[in-house]
């Protein structure tokens, strides 16, 4: 089925755009937002359980305020360029990884500078890319990691329990991290039919098929959620 594969013609166009700067490319724009489970509230059957001491400090997800959605094109892979790999940075600052979600293309080298005066550690047990950069702090040389395979890489600090981030390694450069209002734009996409994926770390992904014109924009919105709770 056309929606289940990318034609060789489209793939060749993709290579031409990346390496020759072809003008036959459009833009995918839209908005991503989250929706909470249906039928769930703080008070059910007249029982306000969240008012009890037992659940007083239990945090609830603010679905309307969720950020860090990633929209990407699936099923198109391009070879990495080892001579000139893309580079990105995740800072260790104020006891947090910044940014908390970083989408990158396969082959990207990520640098992990520590901006704090205390030691941090950067490690991952991910199958896509496992590593341990050891302990270091401000003033010491920043460690680096190259991500050779697509997949989700969960990263932690071995000292601080709430310090974590995600590197989402993608097979091609056509992706976008949403803005604070959920808007996104994937630019310079070769003309063709594609399958889009909208992703968030805490929600099931959603998919859509789009036809990208040789010039101009195509629009695709997404609403991510877990549906109705039993």
Protein backbone atom coordinates (compact mmCIF):
# COMPACT_ATOMS: atom_id res chain seq x y z
CA UNK A 1 0.00 0.00 0.00
CA UNK A 2 1.26 3.54 -0.72
CA UNK A 3 0.87 4.50 2.93
CA UNK A 4 3.06 1.57 3.98
CA UNK A 5 6.18 2.46 2.02
CA UNK A 6 8.16 5.31 0.57
CA UNK A 7 8.80 5.00 -3.16
CA UNK A 8 12.32 4.84 -4.52
CA UNK A 9 11.55 8.03 -6.44
CA UNK A 10 10.79 9.87 -3.20
CA UNK A 11 13.92 8.49 -1.54
CA UNK A 12 16.10 9.67 -4.43
CA UNK A 13 14.51 13.09 -4.21
CA UNK A 14 15.38 13.15 -0.52
CA UNK A 15 19.02 12.43 -1.26
CA UNK A 16 19.08 15.11 -3.94
CA UNK A 17 17.64 17.71 -1.58
CA UNK A 18 20.12 16.94 1.19
CA UNK A 19 23.23 16.84 -0.94
CA UNK A 20 22.39 19.13 -3.86
CA UNK A 21 20.03 21.70 -2.36
CA UNK A 22 17.09 21.01 -4.70
CA UNK A 23 14.27 23.57 -4.58
CA UNK A 24 11.61 20.81 -4.85
CA UNK A 25 10.80 20.83 -1.15
CA UNK A 26 7.89 21.87 1.03
CA UNK A 27 7.10 22.39 4.70
CA UNK A 28 4.98 20.38 7.12
CA UNK A 29 3.34 22.49 9.83
CA UNK A 30 0.80 21.90 12.55
CA UNK A 31 0.17 21.67 16.25
CA UNK A 32 0.46 18.84 18.77
CA UNK A 33 -1.39 18.74 22.07
CA UNK A 34 -2.25 16.18 24.71
CA UNK A 35 -5.59 15.01 26.08
CA UNK A 36 -6.09 13.47 29.49
CA UNK A 37 -7.94 10.22 30.19
CA UNK A 38 -11.70 10.50 29.85
CA UNK A 39 -13.88 9.90 32.85
CA UNK A 40 -11.18 10.63 35.44
CA UNK A 41 -11.53 13.47 37.95
CA UNK A 42 -10.45 14.26 41.47
CA UNK A 43 -13.89 13.56 42.82
CA UNK A 44 -15.78 10.43 41.76
CA UNK A 45 -19.03 9.22 43.32
CA UNK A 46 -18.83 12.07 45.81
CA UNK A 47 -15.51 10.81 47.23
CA UNK A 48 -12.79 13.46 47.09
CA UNK A 49 -9.92 11.02 47.69
CA UNK A 50 -7.25 13.54 46.71
CA UNK A 51 -8.18 15.55 49.79
CA UNK A 52 -6.88 12.84 52.09
CA UNK A 53 -3.42 12.95 53.68
CA UNK A 54 -2.52 9.75 51.85
CA UNK A 55 -2.64 11.40 48.41
CA UNK A 56 -1.95 15.01 49.40
CA UNK A 57 1.47 15.16 47.75
CA UNK A 58 0.70 12.89 44.79
CA UNK A 59 1.48 14.85 41.62
CA UNK A 60 -0.93 14.74 38.69
CA UNK A 61 -0.06 15.28 35.04
CA UNK A 62 -1.07 18.60 33.49
CA UNK A 63 -1.99 17.38 30.01
CA UNK A 64 -2.78 20.87 28.71
CA UNK A 65 0.67 22.06 29.76
CA UNK A 66 2.61 19.17 28.23
CA UNK A 67 5.54 20.10 26.00
CA UNK A 68 8.43 18.47 24.15
CA UNK A 69 6.47 16.71 21.41
CA UNK A 70 8.50 15.45 18.46
CA UNK A 71 7.00 15.12 14.98
CA UNK A 72 9.06 13.15 12.47
CA UNK A 73 8.93 11.42 9.11
CA UNK A 74 9.08 7.64 9.31
CA UNK A 75 10.45 4.97 6.98
CA UNK A 76 13.01 7.12 5.23
CA UNK A 77 16.62 6.45 6.22
CA UNK A 78 19.66 8.33 5.00
CA UNK A 79 23.29 7.30 5.51
CA UNK A 80 25.20 9.14 8.21
CA UNK A 81 28.19 11.25 7.18
CA UNK A 82 31.10 10.25 9.47
CA UNK A 83 33.37 12.97 8.06
CA UNK A 84 31.04 15.77 9.11
CA UNK A 85 28.66 14.51 11.82
CA UNK A 86 25.95 16.87 13.13
CA UNK A 87 26.60 18.21 16.61
CA UNK A 88 24.27 19.03 19.51
CA UNK A 89 24.57 19.99 23.18
CA UNK A 90 22.77 18.93 26.36
CA UNK A 91 23.82 21.04 29.34
CA UNK A 92 23.92 19.91 32.96
CA UNK A 93 22.65 23.01 34.70
CA UNK A 94 20.93 23.63 38.06
CA UNK A 95 20.70 19.90 38.66
CA UNK A 96 18.87 19.23 35.39
CA UNK A 97 19.60 18.17 31.85
CA UNK A 98 18.78 20.98 29.39
CA UNK A 99 17.00 20.32 27.11
CA UNK A 100 15.04 17.44 28.66
CA UNK A 101 14.24 16.03 25.19
CA UNK A 102 16.63 16.25 22.25
CA UNK A 103 15.73 14.82 18.82
CA UNK A 104 18.79 14.16 16.63
CA UNK A 105 19.55 12.42 13.36
CA UNK A 106 21.58 9.20 13.38
CA UNK A 107 25.30 9.88 13.65
CA UNK A 108 24.95 13.07 15.72
CA UNK A 109 27.66 13.85 18.28
CA UNK A 110 26.17 15.18 21.52
CA UNK A 111 28.34 17.15 23.97
CA UNK A 112 27.45 17.08 27.71
CA UNK A 113 29.03 20.11 29.49
CA UNK A 114 28.54 20.39 33.26
CA UNK A 115 27.68 23.98 34.22
CA UNK A 116 27.27 23.20 37.93
CA UNK A 117 29.85 23.40 40.72
CA UNK A 118 28.93 19.88 41.84
CA UNK A 119 29.66 16.53 40.25
CA UNK A 120 27.20 14.99 37.80
CA UNK A 121 27.29 11.74 35.90
CA UNK A 122 25.83 10.97 32.47
CA UNK A 123 24.92 7.38 31.65
CA UNK A 124 22.43 5.28 29.70
CA UNK A 125 21.51 1.60 29.64
CA UNK A 126 19.67 1.93 26.32
CA UNK A 127 20.06 -0.82 23.72
CA UNK A 128 20.36 1.87 21.04
CA UNK A 129 23.35 3.49 22.77
CA UNK A 130 24.64 2.52 26.20
CA UNK A 131 27.39 4.61 27.81
CA UNK A 132 28.78 5.96 31.08
CA UNK A 133 30.71 9.25 31.02
CA UNK A 134 31.79 9.10 34.66
CA UNK A 135 31.86 12.00 37.15
CA UNK A 136 32.90 15.55 36.29
CA UNK A 137 31.91 19.14 37.14
CA UNK A 138 32.28 22.71 35.94
CA UNK A 139 35.68 23.49 34.46
CA UNK A 140 36.41 19.94 33.38
CA UNK A 141 36.35 18.94 29.73
CA UNK A 142 32.86 18.10 28.51
CA UNK A 143 32.31 14.49 27.49
CA UNK A 144 30.89 13.50 24.10
CA UNK A 145 28.73 10.67 22.74
CA UNK A 146 27.97 9.72 19.13
CA UNK A 147 24.55 8.11 18.54
CA UNK A 148 24.93 5.55 15.72
CA UNK A 149 21.52 3.85 15.82
CA UNK A 150 17.91 5.09 15.77
CA UNK A 151 15.87 4.71 18.93
CA UNK A 152 15.00 6.23 22.26
CA UNK A 153 17.94 6.72 24.62
CA UNK A 154 17.03 7.43 28.25
CA UNK A 155 19.85 9.24 30.05
CA UNK A 156 20.36 9.59 33.82
CA UNK A 157 22.72 10.93 36.46
CA UNK A 158 23.90 8.24 38.89
CA UNK A 159 23.93 10.76 41.78
CA UNK A 160 20.67 12.72 41.39
CA UNK A 161 17.40 10.80 41.16
CA UNK A 162 15.35 13.44 39.34
CA UNK A 163 18.01 14.21 36.75
CA UNK A 164 17.12 12.58 33.43
CA UNK A 165 16.59 13.34 29.76
CA UNK A 166 15.81 11.60 26.48
CA UNK A 167 17.81 11.61 23.26
CA UNK A 168 15.47 10.57 20.45
CA UNK A 169 17.65 9.34 17.60
CA UNK A 170 15.87 9.50 14.25
CA UNK A 171 16.78 7.97 10.86
CA UNK A 172 16.57 11.20 8.83
CA UNK A 173 16.76 14.97 9.38
CA UNK A 174 13.06 15.69 8.80
CA UNK A 175 11.74 16.20 12.31
CA UNK A 176 10.81 19.02 14.66
CA UNK A 177 10.56 19.58 18.40
CA UNK A 178 7.35 21.44 19.23
CA UNK A 179 7.37 24.99 20.55
CA UNK A 180 5.77 25.91 23.88
CA UNK A 181 2.36 26.36 22.21
CA UNK A 182 2.62 22.97 20.51
CA UNK A 183 3.35 24.38 17.06
CA UNK A 184 5.92 22.66 14.89
CA UNK A 185 7.41 23.03 11.41
CA UNK A 186 9.46 20.52 9.40
CA UNK A 187 11.14 22.39 6.57
CA UNK A 188 12.86 21.42 3.31
CA UNK A 189 10.96 18.15 2.95
CA UNK A 190 11.25 16.62 -0.54
CA UNK A 191 7.94 16.43 -2.40
CA UNK A 192 6.20 13.12 -1.83
CA UNK A 193 3.88 11.07 0.38
CA UNK A 194 5.04 10.40 3.92
CA UNK A 195 3.95 8.85 7.19
CA UNK A 196 4.29 11.25 10.11
CA UNK A 197 4.70 10.24 13.74
CA UNK A 198 3.85 12.51 16.67
CA UNK A 199 5.71 11.37 19.80
CA UNK A 200 5.76 12.19 23.50
CA UNK A 201 7.65 10.39 26.24
CA UNK A 202 4.51 9.68 28.30
CA UNK A 203 1.87 9.08 25.63
CA UNK A 204 1.19 6.62 22.79
CA UNK A 205 2.29 8.02 19.42
CA UNK A 206 -0.09 9.06 16.69
CA UNK A 207 0.40 8.77 12.94
CA UNK A 208 -0.82 10.59 9.85
CA UNK A 209 -0.14 10.43 6.13
CA UNK A 210 0.72 13.69 4.39
CA UNK A 211 1.42 14.67 0.79
CA UNK A 212 4.17 17.29 0.70
CA UNK A 213 4.06 19.66 -2.28
CA UNK A 214 7.12 20.74 -4.26
CA UNK A 215 6.52 24.23 -2.86
CA UNK A 216 4.38 25.54 -0.02
CA UNK A 217 3.00 23.90 3.10
CA UNK A 218 0.89 20.96 4.21
CA UNK A 219 -0.81 21.00 7.62
CA UNK A 220 -1.16 18.13 10.12
CA UNK A 221 -2.43 18.43 13.71
CA UNK A 222 -2.24 15.75 16.38
CA UNK A 223 -3.98 15.06 19.70
CA UNK A 224 -2.15 12.52 21.85
CA UNK A 225 -3.85 10.74 24.70
CA UNK A 226 -4.45 7.44 26.44
CA UNK A 227 -8.20 7.27 25.78
CA UNK A 228 -10.82 6.31 28.36
CA UNK A 229 -9.63 4.80 31.61
CA UNK A 230 -11.47 1.66 32.78
